[in-house]
Amino acid sequence: MPETALFDLASVTKAVGTTSGLALCMDRGLLDPDAPFTTYLPDYRGALPGPVTIRALARHLSGFSNQKPYDVEGSVVERILDFSPSRPAGEPYEYCCGNYILLGLVVERLLGGSLDALLRESLFHPLGMRDTRWAPIPNPDPRRVVRQGEAGTFAVASDPPARHAGRPVGNAGLFSTVDDLGVFSRMMLARGTWKGRRLLSGEVVDFLGVRPDRRSPVAFGWRVDAALNPAALSERTLSHTGWAGNAIWIDPAKQRYTIVLTNRVTDHDRAIRVRIDIAELALQAVFPEA
């Protein structure tokens, strides 16, 4: 595994990719996080028992379940517009990939283009993140890390809806390297600036890390909850994990970040615990006082 190894980020896409797209929309005055998502997706056809805001989608308080009836090869994006919540928005918290497929469509409608092109042009390339892009990636690529149990050299998303959509979607499908994610993390720690250039406003970066209440462990796209943090990080840490074996933590209070990229995809709860343990070892090596 070379230092430039290319990983499938799975659900880390929700935070690094789609949430960053939402932040760009807010910075440009195009998006109100407390407006119903149907304001921006008027062609949504599902049956809503009440309004569902952008913030409710971003915090997994939308009332949508994580069942995936829209996961049909070639028609994910069309079918998600018929996906209906199982209850009104609000408690309980239920993690749902469909929330972020809808949010990805909102970003595309507001900014005019595909998630991949928009994020690369507006954020990833200005940061120098040249290896960060949505699947499918050029194949074969000798740097791409094969997922545990995977046969062949396919450069497609591990997540079924992201793979079956046949195009970039908001819940998964982003590939990246540890160096690229390090640059992204340092930009976030600098409240949206990189090498003297402002890419996101400080206000919107702060917004992403503030939980308005305790109903959800997610603030806005990013988890802000010490329960899954390495002990050396503060309660203000932004984090996200991915099914394909990855995790990222960004701590604005202590000005440090940790990234763990693996190809371990089975026994999800134990795999997350192992990633936290690895992050602890890395933090202790870099910050012995921690």
Protein backbone atom coordinates (compact mmCIF):
# COMPACT_ATOMS: atom_id res chain seq x y z
CA MET A 1 0.00 0.00 0.00
CA PRO A 2 1.81 3.17 -1.16
CA GLU A 3 1.54 6.53 0.59
CA THR A 4 -0.56 7.67 -2.38
CA ALA A 5 -3.05 4.80 -1.95
CA LEU A 6 -6.49 5.64 -3.30
CA PHE A 7 -9.43 4.66 -1.09
CA ASP A 8 -13.18 4.34 -1.54
CA LEU A 9 -14.48 6.73 1.15
CA ALA A 10 -18.05 5.33 1.20
CA SER A 11 -20.14 7.46 3.61
CA VAL A 12 -17.29 9.86 4.37
CA THR A 13 -18.56 11.24 1.05
CA LYS A 14 -21.54 12.67 2.95
CA ALA A 15 -19.30 14.98 5.00
CA VAL A 16 -16.31 15.78 2.77
CA GLY A 17 -18.31 15.90 -0.45
CA THR A 18 -22.02 16.65 -0.15
CA THR A 19 -21.87 18.73 3.03
CA SER A 20 -19.11 20.83 1.50
CA GLY A 21 -21.39 21.37 -1.51
CA LEU A 22 -24.17 22.52 0.81
CA ALA A 23 -21.71 24.88 2.49
CA LEU A 24 -20.84 26.39 -0.89
CA CYS A 25 -24.56 26.91 -1.57
CA MET A 26 -25.05 28.65 1.79
CA ASP A 27 -22.02 30.88 1.22
CA ARG A 28 -23.48 31.96 -2.12
CA GLY A 29 -26.83 32.81 -0.56
CA LEU A 30 -28.59 30.05 -2.48
CA LEU A 31 -29.64 27.79 0.38
CA ASP A 32 -31.56 28.26 3.63
CA PRO A 33 -30.87 25.22 5.83
CA ASP A 34 -34.26 25.61 7.51
CA ALA A 35 -36.26 25.73 4.27
CA PRO A 36 -38.14 22.60 3.13
CA PHE A 37 -35.98 20.59 0.76
CA THR A 38 -38.87 20.58 -1.72
CA THR A 39 -38.24 24.31 -2.21
CA TYR A 40 -35.13 23.27 -4.11
CA LEU A 41 -36.45 19.96 -5.49
CA PRO A 42 -39.94 20.87 -6.71
CA ASP A 43 -40.11 17.68 -8.79
CA TYR A 44 -40.00 15.50 -5.67
CA ARG A 45 -43.06 13.21 -5.83
CA GLY A 46 -43.04 11.32 -2.52
CA ALA A 47 -45.78 11.57 0.12
CA LEU A 48 -44.66 13.88 2.94
CA PRO A 49 -46.57 13.81 6.25
CA GLY A 50 -45.18 17.28 6.94
CA PRO A 51 -42.36 19.61 5.86
CA VAL A 52 -38.83 18.23 5.83
CA THR A 53 -36.08 20.83 5.99
CA ILE A 54 -32.59 20.70 4.57
CA ARG A 55 -31.28 20.64 8.15
CA ALA A 56 -33.52 17.65 9.00
CA LEU A 57 -32.05 15.72 6.06
CA ALA A 58 -28.51 16.72 6.99
CA ARG A 59 -29.00 15.61 10.62
CA HIS A 60 -30.86 12.37 9.80
CA LEU A 61 -34.01 13.64 11.50
CA SER A 62 -36.05 13.64 8.30
CA GLY A 63 -38.38 10.73 9.01
CA PHE A 64 -36.93 8.77 6.08
CA SER A 65 -35.87 5.23 6.94
CA ASN A 66 -32.66 3.63 5.72
CA GLN A 67 -34.59 1.16 3.59
CA LYS A 68 -33.59 1.58 -0.05
CA PRO A 69 -36.46 0.85 -2.43
CA TYR A 70 -34.84 3.31 -4.84
CA ASP A 71 -31.76 1.09 -5.20
CA VAL A 72 -32.43 -0.17 -8.71
CA GLU A 73 -29.59 -0.17 -11.20
CA GLY A 74 -29.84 2.70 -13.64
CA SER A 75 -32.75 4.48 -11.97
CA VAL A 76 -31.62 5.46 -8.45
CA VAL A 77 -31.83 9.22 -9.07
CA GLU A 78 -35.26 8.98 -10.68
CA ARG A 79 -36.67 6.64 -8.02
CA ILE A 80 -35.37 8.67 -5.04
CA LEU A 81 -37.85 11.38 -6.05
CA ASP A 82 -40.67 8.93 -5.19
CA PHE A 83 -39.11 7.84 -1.87
CA SER A 84 -41.44 8.71 1.02
CA PRO A 85 -40.69 9.13 4.75
CA SER A 86 -41.96 6.49 7.14
CA ARG A 87 -42.93 9.14 9.76
CA PRO A 88 -42.95 12.92 10.25
CA ALA A 89 -39.61 14.71 10.57
CA GLY A 90 -38.10 14.93 14.05
CA GLU A 91 -37.12 12.33 16.61
CA PRO A 92 -35.96 9.61 16.51
CA TYR A 93 -32.61 9.95 14.79
CA GLU A 94 -32.24 7.40 11.99
CA TYR A 95 -29.21 7.35 9.75
CA CYS A 96 -30.42 7.29 6.15
CA CYS A 97 -28.43 7.28 2.91
CA GLY A 98 -31.46 8.57 1.02
CA ASN A 99 -31.18 11.88 2.89
CA TYR A 100 -27.86 12.57 1.23
CA ILE A 101 -28.88 11.43 -2.22
CA LEU A 102 -31.61 14.07 -2.00
CA LEU A 103 -29.15 16.66 -0.64
CA GLY A 104 -26.74 15.90 -3.46
CA LEU A 105 -29.51 16.63 -5.95
CA VAL A 106 -30.18 19.93 -4.16
CA VAL A 107 -26.52 20.93 -4.56
CA GLU A 108 -26.59 20.05 -8.25
CA ARG A 109 -29.79 22.03 -8.87
CA LEU A 110 -28.50 25.13 -7.07
CA LEU A 111 -24.97 25.16 -8.49
CA GLY A 112 -25.77 23.76 -11.93
CA GLY A 113 -23.70 20.68 -12.68
CA SER A 114 -22.68 17.28 -11.38
CA LEU A 115 -21.43 16.87 -7.81
CA ASP A 116 -18.08 15.64 -9.07
CA ALA A 117 -17.43 18.57 -11.42
CA LEU A 118 -18.80 21.16 -8.98
CA LEU A 119 -16.76 20.04 -5.98
CA ARG A 120 -13.58 19.54 -7.97
CA GLU A 121 -13.85 23.00 -9.55
CA SER A 122 -14.96 24.94 -6.46
CA LEU A 123 -13.07 23.19 -3.67
CA PHE A 124 -10.95 20.13 -4.35
CA HIS A 125 -8.75 21.48 -7.15
CA PRO A 126 -8.20 24.89 -5.47
CA LEU A 127 -6.99 22.92 -2.45
CA GLY A 128 -4.70 20.81 -4.62
CA MET A 129 -6.77 17.66 -3.98
CA ARG A 130 -6.05 16.21 -7.42
CA ASP A 131 -6.81 12.61 -6.47
CA THR A 132 -10.25 13.26 -4.97
CA ARG A 133 -13.17 12.49 -7.25
CA TRP A 134 -16.39 10.50 -7.51
CA ALA A 135 -16.40 7.02 -8.99
CA PRO A 136 -15.97 5.61 -11.47
CA ILE A 137 -12.27 6.39 -11.33
CA PRO A 138 -9.76 5.52 -14.09
CA ASN A 139 -9.27 1.78 -14.07
CA PRO A 140 -6.94 0.07 -13.56
CA ASP A 141 -5.10 2.36 -11.11
CA PRO A 142 -2.29 0.59 -9.23
CA ARG A 143 -2.76 2.93 -6.26
CA ARG A 144 -6.38 1.90 -5.68
CA VAL A 145 -6.81 -0.18 -2.54
CA VAL A 146 -8.87 -3.28 -3.20
CA ARG A 147 -11.64 -3.72 -0.67
CA GLN A 148 -11.57 -6.74 1.61
CA GLY A 149 -13.14 -9.69 -0.21
CA GLU A 150 -13.31 -7.83 -3.53
CA ALA A 151 -12.42 -9.62 -6.73
CA GLY A 152 -11.00 -7.86 -9.76
CA THR A 153 -9.87 -4.27 -10.18
CA PHE A 154 -13.18 -2.43 -10.49
CA ALA A 155 -12.99 1.28 -9.75
CA VAL A 156 -16.62 1.72 -8.76
CA ALA A 157 -18.28 2.63 -5.49
CA SER A 158 -18.71 -0.10 -2.87
CA ASP A 159 -22.04 1.38 -1.82
CA PRO A 160 -24.82 -0.23 -3.91
CA PRO A 161 -26.99 2.87 -4.58
CA ALA A 162 -23.91 4.96 -5.41
CA ARG A 163 -22.73 2.23 -7.77
CA HIS A 164 -26.14 1.58 -9.31
CA ALA A 165 -26.88 5.27 -9.89
CA GLY A 166 -24.35 5.30 -12.73
CA ARG A 167 -23.40 8.89 -11.83
CA PRO A 168 -22.19 10.83 -8.77
CA VAL A 169 -24.67 10.92 -5.90
CA GLY A 170 -24.52 12.45 -2.44
CA ASN A 171 -24.37 9.50 -0.08
CA ALA A 172 -21.19 7.71 -1.23
CA GLY A 173 -18.84 7.15 -4.15
CA LEU A 174 -16.02 9.61 -3.41
CA PHE A 175 -12.43 8.31 -3.69
CA SER A 176 -9.45 10.07 -2.10
CA THR A 177 -6.00 9.75 -0.53
CA VAL A 178 -4.72 10.49 2.95
CA ASP A 179 -2.75 13.49 1.64
CA ASP A 180 -5.82 15.03 0.00
CA LEU A 181 -7.93 14.51 3.12
CA GLY A 182 -5.14 16.05 5.19
CA VAL A 183 -5.26 19.21 3.08
CA PHE A 184 -9.06 19.30 3.42
CA SER A 185 -8.75 18.91 7.19
CA ARG A 186 -6.25 21.76 7.48
CA MET A 187 -8.55 23.99 5.45
CA MET A 188 -11.38 23.18 7.88
CA LEU A 189 -9.13 23.92 10.87
CA ALA A 190 -8.31 27.28 9.25
CA ARG A 191 -12.05 28.00 9.02
CA GLY A 192 -12.21 27.81 5.25
CA THR A 193 -8.89 29.26 4.09
CA TRP A 194 -5.96 27.61 2.33
CA LYS A 195 -2.67 29.32 1.41
CA GLY A 196 -4.24 32.75 1.78
CA ARG A 197 -7.28 31.93 -0.32
CA ARG A 198 -10.77 31.75 1.19
CA LEU A 199 -12.77 28.79 -0.10
CA LEU A 200 -15.51 28.63 2.56
CA SER A 201 -16.57 31.35 4.95
CA GLY A 202 -15.56 31.01 8.58
CA GLU A 203 -19.21 31.36 9.52
CA VAL A 204 -20.35 28.38 7.45
CA VAL A 205 -17.46 26.20 8.69
CA ASP A 206 -18.47 27.05 12.27
CA PHE A 207 -22.11 26.29 11.42
CA LEU A 208 -21.23 22.77 10.29
CA GLY A 209 -19.90 21.97 13.76
CA VAL A 210 -22.71 23.28 15.97
CA ARG A 211 -25.39 20.86 17.18
CA PRO A 212 -28.57 22.88 17.75
CA ASP A 213 -29.97 20.20 20.08
CA ARG A 214 -29.31 16.67 21.34
CA ARG A 215 -31.83 14.89 19.11
CA SER A 216 -29.10 13.80 16.71
CA PRO A 217 -25.34 13.21 17.05
CA VAL A 218 -24.97 15.04 13.72
CA ALA A 219 -24.58 18.82 13.68
CA PHE A 220 -24.94 19.41 9.93
CA GLY A 221 -23.38 16.67 7.84
CA TRP A 222 -20.67 16.06 10.44
CA ARG A 223 -21.03 14.04 13.61
CA VAL A 224 -20.20 16.11 16.70
CA ASP A 225 -20.41 13.58 19.50
CA ALA A 226 -17.61 12.44 21.79
CA ALA A 227 -18.93 8.86 21.87
CA LEU A 228 -16.95 7.91 18.74
CA ASN A 229 -13.95 10.21 19.28
CA PRO A 230 -10.44 9.17 20.25
CA ALA A 231 -9.87 10.31 23.84
CA ALA A 232 -7.20 12.83 22.77
CA LEU A 233 -9.76 14.89 20.83
CA SER A 234 -12.24 17.41 22.19
CA GLU A 235 -16.04 17.31 22.23
CA ARG A 236 -16.04 19.87 19.41
CA THR A 237 -14.51 17.34 16.99
CA LEU A 238 -16.21 16.84 13.63
CA SER A 239 -16.13 13.25 12.43
CA HIS A 240 -17.54 10.76 9.97
CA THR A 241 -17.01 7.09 9.20
CA GLY A 242 -17.44 5.07 6.03
CA TRP A 243 -18.59 1.48 5.51
CA ALA A 244 -15.56 0.73 3.32
CA GLY A 245 -13.25 1.07 6.34
CA ASN A 246 -12.50 4.77 6.75
CA ALA A 247 -12.82 7.52 9.35
CA ILE A 248 -11.90 11.19 9.70
CA TRP A 249 -11.78 13.41 12.79
CA ILE A 250 -11.19 17.20 12.71
CA ASP A 251 -10.83 18.98 16.06
CA PRO A 252 -11.09 22.80 15.84
CA ALA A 253 -10.54 23.21 19.60
CA LYS A 254 -7.18 21.40 19.71
CA GLN A 255 -6.28 22.20 16.07
CA ARG A 256 -5.52 18.64 15.10
CA TYR A 257 -7.00 16.01 12.82
CA THR A 258 -6.73 12.27 12.36
CA ILE A 259 -7.51 10.16 9.29
CA VAL A 260 -7.69 6.37 9.24
CA LEU A 261 -8.10 4.67 5.86
CA THR A 262 -8.46 0.88 5.70
CA ASN A 263 -10.13 -1.70 3.47
CA ARG A 264 -11.95 -3.48 6.32
CA VAL A 265 -15.66 -3.73 5.55
CA THR A 266 -17.04 -6.51 7.78
CA ASP A 267 -18.19 -6.51 11.43
CA HIS A 268 -19.03 -2.80 11.28
CA ASP A 269 -19.11 -1.95 15.01
CA ARG A 270 -15.84 -3.73 15.75
CA ALA A 271 -14.22 -2.18 12.68
CA ILE A 272 -15.12 1.32 13.91
CA ARG A 273 -13.68 0.53 17.33
CA VAL A 274 -10.44 -0.62 15.71
CA ARG A 275 -10.26 2.63 13.69
CA ILE A 276 -10.66 4.64 16.89
CA ASP A 277 -7.84 2.62 18.51
CA ILE A 278 -5.59 3.25 15.49
CA ALA A 279 -6.40 6.97 15.66
CA GLU A 280 -5.45 6.98 19.35
CA LEU A 281 -2.06 5.45 18.57
CA ALA A 282 -1.44 7.99 15.82
CA LEU A 283 -2.36 10.91 18.09
CA GLN A 284 -0.13 9.62 20.87
CA ALA A 285 2.78 9.35 18.43
CA VAL A 286 2.35 12.94 17.17
CA PHE A 287 1.14 14.53 20.41
CA PRO A 288 2.77 12.54 23.27
CA GLU A 289 1.19 14.85 25.84
CA ALA A 290 -2.26 13.80 24.62
